[in-house]
Amino acid sequence: MLEATLDKIAEKIISLDEASLTGLWEKYKNKMETFETSKEWEKSVIIFFIINSVRVKNHIFNEQILHQQKKQEPTVKFPPGKPDLKLVK
């Protein structure tokens, strides 16, 4: 059941337009940076990371398409071990 719910959420997120989401990025970044012990703050954090995940997904997708068109090796390779994550403030 959890997987089915996540699948439905992913389907909805995939259909969102990156340009429209990018327009909301600053708003949710500011909300996230202003910590509150509220459901609204929690939702703003989730929304902020959804926006970022769509942007990253599209970037990786576009890079892979370009590399396929050029018949080159893909440059996106995920090394073993810990992912390279950065703290967003």
PDB file of N, CA and C in Angstrom:
ATOM      1  N   MET A   1       0.817  -1.185   0.000  1.00  0.00           N
ATOM      2  CA  MET A   1       0.000   0.000   0.000  1.00  0.00           C
ATOM      3  C   MET A   1       0.868   1.259   0.000  1.00  0.00           C
ATOM      4  N   LEU A   2       1.920   1.255   0.788  1.00  0.00           N
ATOM      5  CA  LEU A   2       2.816   2.403   0.838  1.00  0.00           C
ATOM      6  C   LEU A   2       3.464   2.645  -0.526  1.00  0.00           C
ATOM      7  N   GLU A   3       3.909   1.563  -1.157  1.00  0.00           N
ATOM      8  CA  GLU A   3       4.532   1.695  -2.478  1.00  0.00           C
ATOM      9  C   GLU A   3       3.556   2.240  -3.507  1.00  0.00           C
ATOM     10  N   ALA A   4       2.325   1.787  -3.452  1.00  0.00           N
ATOM     11  CA  ALA A   4       1.311   2.274  -4.393  1.00  0.00           C
ATOM     12  C   ALA A   4       1.055   3.767  -4.185  1.00  0.00           C
ATOM     13  N   THR A   5       1.034   4.199  -2.940  1.00  0.00           N
ATOM     14  CA  THR A   5       0.837   5.618  -2.630  1.00  0.00           C
ATOM     15  C   THR A   5       2.000   6.442  -3.159  1.00  0.00           C
ATOM     16  N   LEU A   6       3.219   5.962  -2.920  1.00  0.00           N
ATOM     17  CA  LEU A   6       4.395   6.675  -3.412  1.00  0.00           C
ATOM     18  C   LEU A   6       4.412   6.723  -4.935  1.00  0.00           C
ATOM     19  N   ASP A   7       3.984   5.651  -5.574  1.00  0.00           N
ATOM     20  CA  ASP A   7       3.920   5.614  -7.030  1.00  0.00           C
ATOM     21  C   ASP A   7       2.953   6.676  -7.553  1.00  0.00           C
ATOM     22  N   LYS A   8       1.793   6.810  -6.906  1.00  0.00           N
ATOM     23  CA  LYS A   8       0.806   7.820  -7.317  1.00  0.00           C
ATOM     24  C   LYS A   8       1.352   9.231  -7.116  1.00  0.00           C
ATOM     25  N   ILE A   9       2.040   9.440  -6.000  1.00  0.00           N
ATOM     26  CA  ILE A   9       2.642  10.753  -5.740  1.00  0.00           C
ATOM     27  C   ILE A   9       3.674  11.068  -6.820  1.00  0.00           C
ATOM     28  N   ALA A  10       4.514  10.081  -7.153  1.00  0.00           N
ATOM     29  CA  ALA A  10       5.542  10.280  -8.179  1.00  0.00           C
ATOM     30  C   ALA A  10       4.914  10.609  -9.530  1.00  0.00           C
ATOM     31  N   GLU A  11       3.833   9.935  -9.878  1.00  0.00           N
ATOM     32  CA  GLU A  11       3.136  10.221 -11.147  1.00  0.00           C
ATOM     33  C   GLU A  11       2.667  11.669 -11.194  1.00  0.00           C
ATOM     34  N   LYS A  12       2.110  12.145 -10.090  1.00  0.00           N
ATOM     35  CA  LYS A  12       1.640  13.535 -10.045  1.00  0.00           C
ATOM     36  C   LYS A  12       2.809  14.511 -10.137  1.00  0.00           C
ATOM     37  N   ILE A  13       3.897  14.213  -9.450  1.00  0.00           N
ATOM     38  CA  ILE A  13       5.055  15.099  -9.456  1.00  0.00           C
ATOM     39  C   ILE A  13       5.682  15.151 -10.851  1.00  0.00           C
ATOM     40  N   ILE A  14       5.763  14.016 -11.522  1.00  0.00           N
ATOM     41  CA  ILE A  14       6.337  13.969 -12.871  1.00  0.00           C
ATOM     42  C   ILE A  14       5.564  14.877 -13.828  1.00  0.00           C
ATOM     43  N   SER A  15       4.282  15.016 -13.614  1.00  0.00           N
ATOM     44  CA  SER A  15       3.467  15.828 -14.518  1.00  0.00           C
ATOM     45  C   SER A  15       3.588  17.330 -14.263  1.00  0.00           C
ATOM     46  N   LEU A  16       4.276  17.727 -13.182  1.00  0.00           N
ATOM     47  CA  LEU A  16       4.424  19.146 -12.873  1.00  0.00           C
ATOM     48  C   LEU A  16       5.469  19.796 -13.773  1.00  0.00           C
ATOM     49  N   ASP A  17       5.234  21.048 -14.115  1.00  0.00           N
ATOM     50  CA  ASP A  17       6.119  21.803 -14.985  1.00  0.00           C
ATOM     51  C   ASP A  17       7.266  22.400 -14.179  1.00  0.00           C
ATOM     52  N   GLU A  18       8.500  22.124 -14.612  1.00  0.00           N
ATOM     53  CA  GLU A  18       9.668  22.601 -13.871  1.00  0.00           C
ATOM     54  C   GLU A  18       9.719  24.127 -13.812  1.00  0.00           C
ATOM     55  N   ALA A  19       9.364  24.802 -14.880  1.00  0.00           N
ATOM     56  CA  ALA A  19       9.413  26.266 -14.889  1.00  0.00           C
ATOM     57  C   ALA A  19       8.470  26.853 -13.836  1.00  0.00           C
ATOM     58  N   SER A  20       7.292  26.295 -13.721  1.00  0.00           N
ATOM     59  CA  SER A  20       6.340  26.761 -12.707  1.00  0.00           C
ATOM     60  C   SER A  20       6.855  26.466 -11.304  1.00  0.00           C
ATOM     61  N   LEU A  21       7.435  25.292 -11.127  1.00  0.00           N
ATOM     62  CA  LEU A  21       7.985  24.919  -9.821  1.00  0.00           C
ATOM     63  C   LEU A  21       9.145  25.827  -9.438  1.00  0.00           C
ATOM     64  N   THR A  22       9.983  26.156 -10.401  1.00  0.00           N
ATOM     65  CA  THR A  22      11.132  27.007 -10.125  1.00  0.00           C
ATOM     66  C   THR A  22      10.689  28.378  -9.631  1.00  0.00           C
ATOM     67  N   GLY A  23       9.551  28.843 -10.115  1.00  0.00           N
ATOM     68  CA  GLY A  23       9.007  30.115  -9.640  1.00  0.00           C
ATOM     69  C   GLY A  23       8.607  30.072  -8.173  1.00  0.00           C
ATOM     70  N   LEU A  24       8.366  28.876  -7.653  1.00  0.00           N
ATOM     71  CA  LEU A  24       7.970  28.714  -6.257  1.00  0.00           C
ATOM     72  C   LEU A  24       9.153  28.386  -5.340  1.00  0.00           C
ATOM     73  N   TRP A  25      10.305  28.129  -5.929  1.00  0.00           N
ATOM     74  CA  TRP A  25      11.470  27.680  -5.173  1.00  0.00           C
ATOM     75  C   TRP A  25      11.828  28.644  -4.054  1.00  0.00           C
ATOM     76  N   GLU A  26      11.947  29.928  -4.362  1.00  0.00           N
ATOM     77  CA  GLU A  26      12.343  30.935  -3.370  1.00  0.00           C
ATOM     78  C   GLU A  26      11.330  31.024  -2.226  1.00  0.00           C
ATOM     79  N   LYS A  27      10.047  30.965  -2.563  1.00  0.00           N
ATOM     80  CA  LYS A  27       8.992  31.042  -1.547  1.00  0.00           C
ATOM     81  C   LYS A  27       9.147  29.924  -0.518  1.00  0.00           C
ATOM     82  N   TYR A  28       9.317  28.697  -0.995  1.00  0.00           N
ATOM     83  CA  TYR A  28       9.407  27.563  -0.075  1.00  0.00           C
ATOM     84  C   TYR A  28      10.767  27.479   0.602  1.00  0.00           C
ATOM     85  N   LYS A  29      11.790  27.994  -0.027  1.00  0.00           N
ATOM     86  CA  LYS A  29      13.101  28.085   0.617  1.00  0.00           C
ATOM     87  C   LYS A  29      12.997  29.007   1.825  1.00  0.00           C
ATOM     88  N   ASN A  30      12.363  30.158   1.656  1.00  0.00           N
ATOM     89  CA  ASN A  30      12.202  31.107   2.758  1.00  0.00           C
ATOM     90  C   ASN A  30      11.338  30.525   3.874  1.00  0.00           C
ATOM     91  N   LYS A  31      10.250  29.846   3.513  1.00  0.00           N
ATOM     92  CA  LYS A  31       9.398  29.223   4.531  1.00  0.00           C
ATOM     93  C   LYS A  31      10.167  28.163   5.314  1.00  0.00           C
ATOM     94  N   MET A  32      10.974  27.394   4.599  1.00  0.00           N
ATOM     95  CA  MET A  32      11.731  26.326   5.236  1.00  0.00           C
ATOM     96  C   MET A  32      12.782  26.904   6.187  1.00  0.00           C
ATOM     97  N   GLU A  33      13.391  27.998   5.804  1.00  0.00           N
ATOM     98  CA  GLU A  33      14.438  28.610   6.625  1.00  0.00           C
ATOM     99  C   GLU A  33      13.894  29.236   7.899  1.00  0.00           C
ATOM    100  N   THR A  34      12.597  29.532   7.936  1.00  0.00           N
ATOM    101  CA  THR A  34      11.966  30.113   9.119  1.00  0.00           C
ATOM    102  C   THR A  34      11.306  28.986   9.895  1.00  0.00           C
ATOM    103  N   PHE A  35      12.075  28.349  10.759  1.00  0.00           N
ATOM    104  CA  PHE A  35      11.589  27.170  11.466  1.00  0.00           C
ATOM    105  C   PHE A  35      10.414  27.492  12.380  1.00  0.00           C
ATOM    106  N   GLU A  36       9.437  26.633  12.313  1.00  0.00           N
ATOM    107  CA  GLU A  36       8.284  26.664  13.219  1.00  0.00           C
ATOM    108  C   GLU A  36       7.930  25.219  13.536  1.00  0.00           C
ATOM    109  N   THR A  37       7.356  24.998  14.690  1.00  0.00           N
ATOM    110  CA  THR A  37       6.886  23.646  15.007  1.00  0.00           C
ATOM    111  C   THR A  37       5.446  23.525  14.530  1.00  0.00           C
ATOM    112  N   SER A  38       5.300  23.512  13.206  1.00  0.00           N
ATOM    113  CA  SER A  38       3.958  23.453  12.626  1.00  0.00           C
ATOM    114  C   SER A  38       3.933  22.510  11.432  1.00  0.00           C
ATOM    115  N   LYS A  39       2.747  22.071  11.112  1.00  0.00           N
ATOM    116  CA  LYS A  39       2.540  21.216   9.952  1.00  0.00           C
ATOM    117  C   LYS A  39       2.882  21.987   8.668  1.00  0.00           C
ATOM    118  N   GLU A  40       2.608  23.287   8.665  1.00  0.00           N
ATOM    119  CA  GLU A  40       2.893  24.121   7.498  1.00  0.00           C
ATOM    120  C   GLU A  40       4.398  24.160   7.213  1.00  0.00           C
ATOM    121  N   TRP A  41       5.205  24.281   8.271  1.00  0.00           N
ATOM    122  CA  TRP A  41       6.649  24.282   8.078  1.00  0.00           C
ATOM    123  C   TRP A  41       7.103  22.935   7.514  1.00  0.00           C
ATOM    124  N   GLU A  42       6.580  21.852   8.057  1.00  0.00           N
ATOM    125  CA  GLU A  42       6.934  20.514   7.576  1.00  0.00           C
ATOM    126  C   GLU A  42       6.588  20.359   6.100  1.00  0.00           C
ATOM    127  N   LYS A  43       5.403  20.830   5.723  1.00  0.00           N
ATOM    128  CA  LYS A  43       5.001  20.745   4.314  1.00  0.00           C
ATOM    129  C   LYS A  43       5.908  21.590   3.429  1.00  0.00           C
ATOM    130  N   SER A  44       6.318  22.760   3.924  1.00  0.00           N
ATOM    131  CA  SER A  44       7.188  23.617   3.118  1.00  0.00           C
ATOM    132  C   SER A  44       8.528  22.939   2.842  1.00  0.00           C
ATOM    133  N   VAL A  45       9.049  22.195   3.817  1.00  0.00           N
ATOM    134  CA  VAL A  45      10.303  21.457   3.620  1.00  0.00           C
ATOM    135  C   VAL A  45      10.115  20.391   2.544  1.00  0.00           C
ATOM    136  N   ILE A  46       9.042  19.643   2.635  1.00  0.00           N
ATOM    137  CA  ILE A  46       8.763  18.595   1.646  1.00  0.00           C
ATOM    138  C   ILE A  46       8.603  19.201   0.257  1.00  0.00           C
ATOM    139  N   ILE A  47       7.849  20.288   0.146  1.00  0.00           N
ATOM    140  CA  ILE A  47       7.629  20.942  -1.147  1.00  0.00           C
ATOM    141  C   ILE A  47       8.950  21.446  -1.723  1.00  0.00           C
ATOM    142  N   PHE A  48       9.783  22.053  -0.868  1.00  0.00           N
ATOM    143  CA  PHE A  48      11.082  22.549  -1.324  1.00  0.00           C
ATOM    144  C   PHE A  48      11.902  21.416  -1.943  1.00  0.00           C
ATOM    145  N   PHE A  49      11.927  20.270  -1.275  1.00  0.00           N
ATOM    146  CA  PHE A  49      12.712  19.160  -1.795  1.00  0.00           C
ATOM    147  C   PHE A  49      12.056  18.485  -2.995  1.00  0.00           C
ATOM    148  N   ILE A  50      10.759  18.543  -3.110  1.00  0.00           N
ATOM    149  CA  ILE A  50      10.095  18.043  -4.319  1.00  0.00           C
ATOM    150  C   ILE A  50      10.519  18.896  -5.507  1.00  0.00           C
ATOM    151  N   ILE A  51      10.502  20.221  -5.320  1.00  0.00           N
ATOM    152  CA  ILE A  51      10.921  21.129  -6.392  1.00  0.00           C
ATOM    153  C   ILE A  51      12.361  20.815  -6.807  1.00  0.00           C
ATOM    154  N   ASN A  52      13.240  20.659  -5.819  1.00  0.00           N
ATOM    155  CA  ASN A  52      14.635  20.339  -6.132  1.00  0.00           C
ATOM    156  C   ASN A  52      14.774  18.987  -6.813  1.00  0.00           C
ATOM    157  N   SER A  53      13.992  18.008  -6.386  1.00  0.00           N
ATOM    158  CA  SER A  53      14.112  16.680  -6.993  1.00  0.00           C
ATOM    159  C   SER A  53      13.664  16.699  -8.449  1.00  0.00           C
ATOM    160  N   VAL A  54      12.642  17.472  -8.776  1.00  0.00           N
ATOM    161  CA  VAL A  54      12.205  17.592 -10.175  1.00  0.00           C
ATOM    162  C   VAL A  54      13.303  18.259 -11.002  1.00  0.00           C
ATOM    163  N   ARG A  55      13.918  19.281 -10.450  1.00  0.00           N
ATOM    164  CA  ARG A  55      14.990  19.973 -11.165  1.00  0.00           C
ATOM    165  C   ARG A  55      16.178  19.037 -11.415  1.00  0.00           C
ATOM    166  N   VAL A  56      16.562  18.271 -10.406  1.00  0.00           N
ATOM    167  CA  VAL A  56      17.676  17.332 -10.547  1.00  0.00           C
ATOM    168  C   VAL A  56      17.316  16.233 -11.540  1.00  0.00           C
ATOM    169  N   LYS A  57      16.116  15.695 -11.424  1.00  0.00           N
ATOM    170  CA  LYS A  57      15.672  14.639 -12.347  1.00  0.00           C
ATOM    171  C   LYS A  57      15.738  15.134 -13.786  1.00  0.00           C
ATOM    172  N   ASN A  58      15.250  16.337 -14.047  1.00  0.00           N
ATOM    173  CA  ASN A  58      15.255  16.883 -15.402  1.00  0.00           C
ATOM    174  C   ASN A  58      16.676  17.147 -15.893  1.00  0.00           C
ATOM    175  N   HIS A  59      17.540  17.600 -15.008  1.00  0.00           N
ATOM    176  CA  HIS A  59      18.934  17.840 -15.380  1.00  0.00           C
ATOM    177  C   HIS A  59      19.606  16.524 -15.797  1.00  0.00           C
ATOM    178  N   ILE A  60      19.455  15.495 -14.992  1.00  0.00           N
ATOM    179  CA  ILE A  60      20.041  14.187 -15.309  1.00  0.00           C
ATOM    180  C   ILE A  60      19.448  13.645 -16.602  1.00  0.00           C
ATOM    181  N   PHE A  61      18.133  13.753 -16.742  1.00  0.00           N
ATOM    182  CA  PHE A  61      17.461  13.260 -17.946  1.00  0.00           C
ATOM    183  C   PHE A  61      18.011  13.955 -19.193  1.00  0.00           C
ATOM    184  N   ASN A  62      18.096  15.294 -19.143  1.00  0.00           N
ATOM    185  CA  ASN A  62      18.581  16.053 -20.305  1.00  0.00           C
ATOM    186  C   ASN A  62      20.030  15.734 -20.630  1.00  0.00           C
ATOM    187  N   GLU A  63      20.862  15.568 -19.616  1.00  0.00           N
ATOM    188  CA  GLU A  63      22.255  15.188 -19.848  1.00  0.00           C
ATOM    189  C   GLU A  63      22.352  13.827 -20.530  1.00  0.00           C
ATOM    190  N   GLN A  64      21.565  12.891 -20.061  1.00  0.00           N
ATOM    191  CA  GLN A  64      21.599  11.548 -20.641  1.00  0.00           C
ATOM    192  C   GLN A  64      21.131  11.561 -22.095  1.00  0.00           C
ATOM    193  N   ILE A  65      20.105  12.336 -22.398  1.00  0.00           N
ATOM    194  CA  ILE A  65      19.624  12.445 -23.777  1.00  0.00           C
ATOM    195  C   ILE A  65      20.715  13.024 -24.672  1.00  0.00           C
ATOM    196  N   LEU A  66      21.378  14.086 -24.200  1.00  0.00           N
ATOM    197  CA  LEU A  66      22.471  14.678 -24.982  1.00  0.00           C
ATOM    198  C   LEU A  66      23.584  13.678 -25.236  1.00  0.00           C
ATOM    199  N   HIS A  67      23.946  12.916 -24.212  1.00  0.00           N
ATOM    200  CA  HIS A  67      25.018  11.929 -24.373  1.00  0.00           C
ATOM    201  C   HIS A  67      24.605  10.798 -25.307  1.00  0.00           C
ATOM    202  N   GLN A  68      23.357  10.409 -25.248  1.00  0.00           N
ATOM    203  CA  GLN A  68      22.888   9.361 -26.164  1.00  0.00           C
ATOM    204  C   GLN A  68      22.922   9.855 -27.605  1.00  0.00           C
ATOM    205  N   GLN A  69      22.573  11.120 -27.786  1.00  0.00           N
ATOM    206  CA  GLN A  69      22.592  11.691 -29.135  1.00  0.00           C
ATOM    207  C   GLN A  69      24.008  11.789 -29.676  1.00  0.00           C
ATOM    208  N   LYS A  70      24.962  12.023 -28.789  1.00  0.00           N
ATOM    209  CA  LYS A  70      26.360  12.133 -29.201  1.00  0.00           C
ATOM    210  C   LYS A  70      27.063  10.775 -29.188  1.00  0.00           C
ATOM    211  N   LYS A  71      26.350   9.740 -28.783  1.00  0.00           N
ATOM    212  CA  LYS A  71      26.903   8.382 -28.697  1.00  0.00           C
ATOM    213  C   LYS A  71      28.118   8.321 -27.775  1.00  0.00           C
ATOM    214  N   GLN A  72      28.022   9.043 -26.636  1.00  0.00           N
ATOM    215  CA  GLN A  72      29.103   9.050 -25.674  1.00  0.00           C
ATOM    216  C   GLN A  72      28.674   8.309 -24.421  1.00  0.00           C
ATOM    217  N   GLU A  73      29.650   8.023 -23.620  1.00  0.00           N
ATOM    218  CA  GLU A  73      29.388   7.428 -22.314  1.00  0.00           C
ATOM    219  C   GLU A  73      28.649   8.435 -21.444  1.00  0.00           C
ATOM    220  N   PRO A  74      27.662   8.007 -20.664  1.00  0.00           N
ATOM    221  CA  PRO A  74      26.999   8.945 -19.746  1.00  0.00           C
ATOM    222  C   PRO A  74      27.963   9.436 -18.673  1.00  0.00           C
ATOM    223  N   THR A  75      27.847  10.727 -18.338  1.00  0.00           N
ATOM    224  CA  THR A  75      28.739  11.291 -17.331  1.00  0.00           C
ATOM    225  C   THR A  75      28.177  11.146 -15.933  1.00  0.00           C
ATOM    226  N   VAL A  76      26.902  10.824 -15.818  1.00  0.00           N
ATOM    227  CA  VAL A  76      26.304  10.690 -14.490  1.00  0.00           C
ATOM    228  C   VAL A  76      26.577   9.283 -13.991  1.00  0.00           C
ATOM    229  N   LYS A  77      27.549   9.184 -13.124  1.00  0.00           N
ATOM    230  CA  LYS A  77      27.884   7.902 -12.520  1.00  0.00           C
ATOM    231  C   LYS A  77      27.855   8.107 -11.019  1.00  0.00           C
ATOM    232  N   PHE A  78      27.160   7.250 -10.349  1.00  0.00           N
ATOM    233  CA  PHE A  78      27.027   7.368  -8.911  1.00  0.00           C
ATOM    234  C   PHE A  78      28.058   6.468  -8.247  1.00  0.00           C
ATOM    235  N   PRO A  79      29.036   7.083  -7.554  1.00  0.00           N
ATOM    236  CA  PRO A  79      30.083   6.283  -6.924  1.00  0.00           C
ATOM    237  C   PRO A  79      29.522   5.484  -5.751  1.00  0.00           C
ATOM    238  N   PRO A  80      30.155   4.375  -5.451  1.00  0.00           N
ATOM    239  CA  PRO A  80      29.712   3.605  -4.291  1.00  0.00           C
ATOM    240  C   PRO A  80      29.984   4.380  -3.008  1.00  0.00           C
ATOM    241  N   GLY A  81      29.241   4.101  -1.996  1.00  0.00           N
ATOM    242  CA  GLY A  81      29.438   4.770  -0.713  1.00  0.00           C
ATOM    243  C   GLY A  81      28.411   5.852  -0.484  1.00  0.00           C
ATOM    244  N   LYS A  82      28.794   6.817   0.320  1.00  0.00           N
ATOM    245  CA  LYS A  82      27.875   7.876   0.710  1.00  0.00           C
ATOM    246  C   LYS A  82      27.629   8.833  -0.460  1.00  0.00           C
ATOM    247  N   PRO A  83      26.379   9.312  -0.613  1.00  0.00           N
ATOM    248  CA  PRO A  83      26.107  10.289  -1.655  1.00  0.00           C
ATOM    249  C   PRO A  83      26.698  11.650  -1.284  1.00  0.00           C
ATOM    250  N   ASP A  84      27.000  12.455  -2.290  1.00  0.00           N
ATOM    251  CA  ASP A  84      27.566  13.779  -2.077  1.00  0.00           C
ATOM    252  C   ASP A  84      26.420  14.764  -1.888  1.00  0.00           C
ATOM    253  N   LEU A  85      26.009  14.975  -0.637  1.00  0.00           N
ATOM    254  CA  LEU A  85      24.904  15.852  -0.332  1.00  0.00           C
ATOM    255  C   LEU A  85      25.428  17.137   0.302  1.00  0.00           C
ATOM    256  N   LYS A  86      24.696  18.217   0.109  1.00  0.00           N
ATOM    257  CA  LYS A  86      25.082  19.489   0.696  1.00  0.00           C
ATOM    258  C   LYS A  86      23.969  19.988   1.589  1.00  0.00           C
ATOM    259  N   LEU A  87      24.322  20.653   2.670  1.00  0.00           N
ATOM    260  CA  LEU A  87      23.360  21.231   3.594  1.00  0.00           C
ATOM    261  C   LEU A  87      22.795  22.502   2.986  1.00  0.00           C
ATOM    262  N   VAL A  88      21.473  22.589   2.933  1.00  0.00           N
ATOM    263  CA  VAL A  88      20.797  23.769   2.404  1.00  0.00           C
ATOM    264  C   VAL A  88      20.260  24.556   3.578  1.00  0.00           C
ATOM    265  N   LYS A  89      20.629  25.814   3.628  1.00  0.00           N
ATOM    266  CA  LYS A  89      20.158  26.644   4.734  1.00  0.00           C
ATOM    267  C   LYS A  89      19.155  27.635   4.242  1.00  0.00           C
TER     268      LYS A  89
END
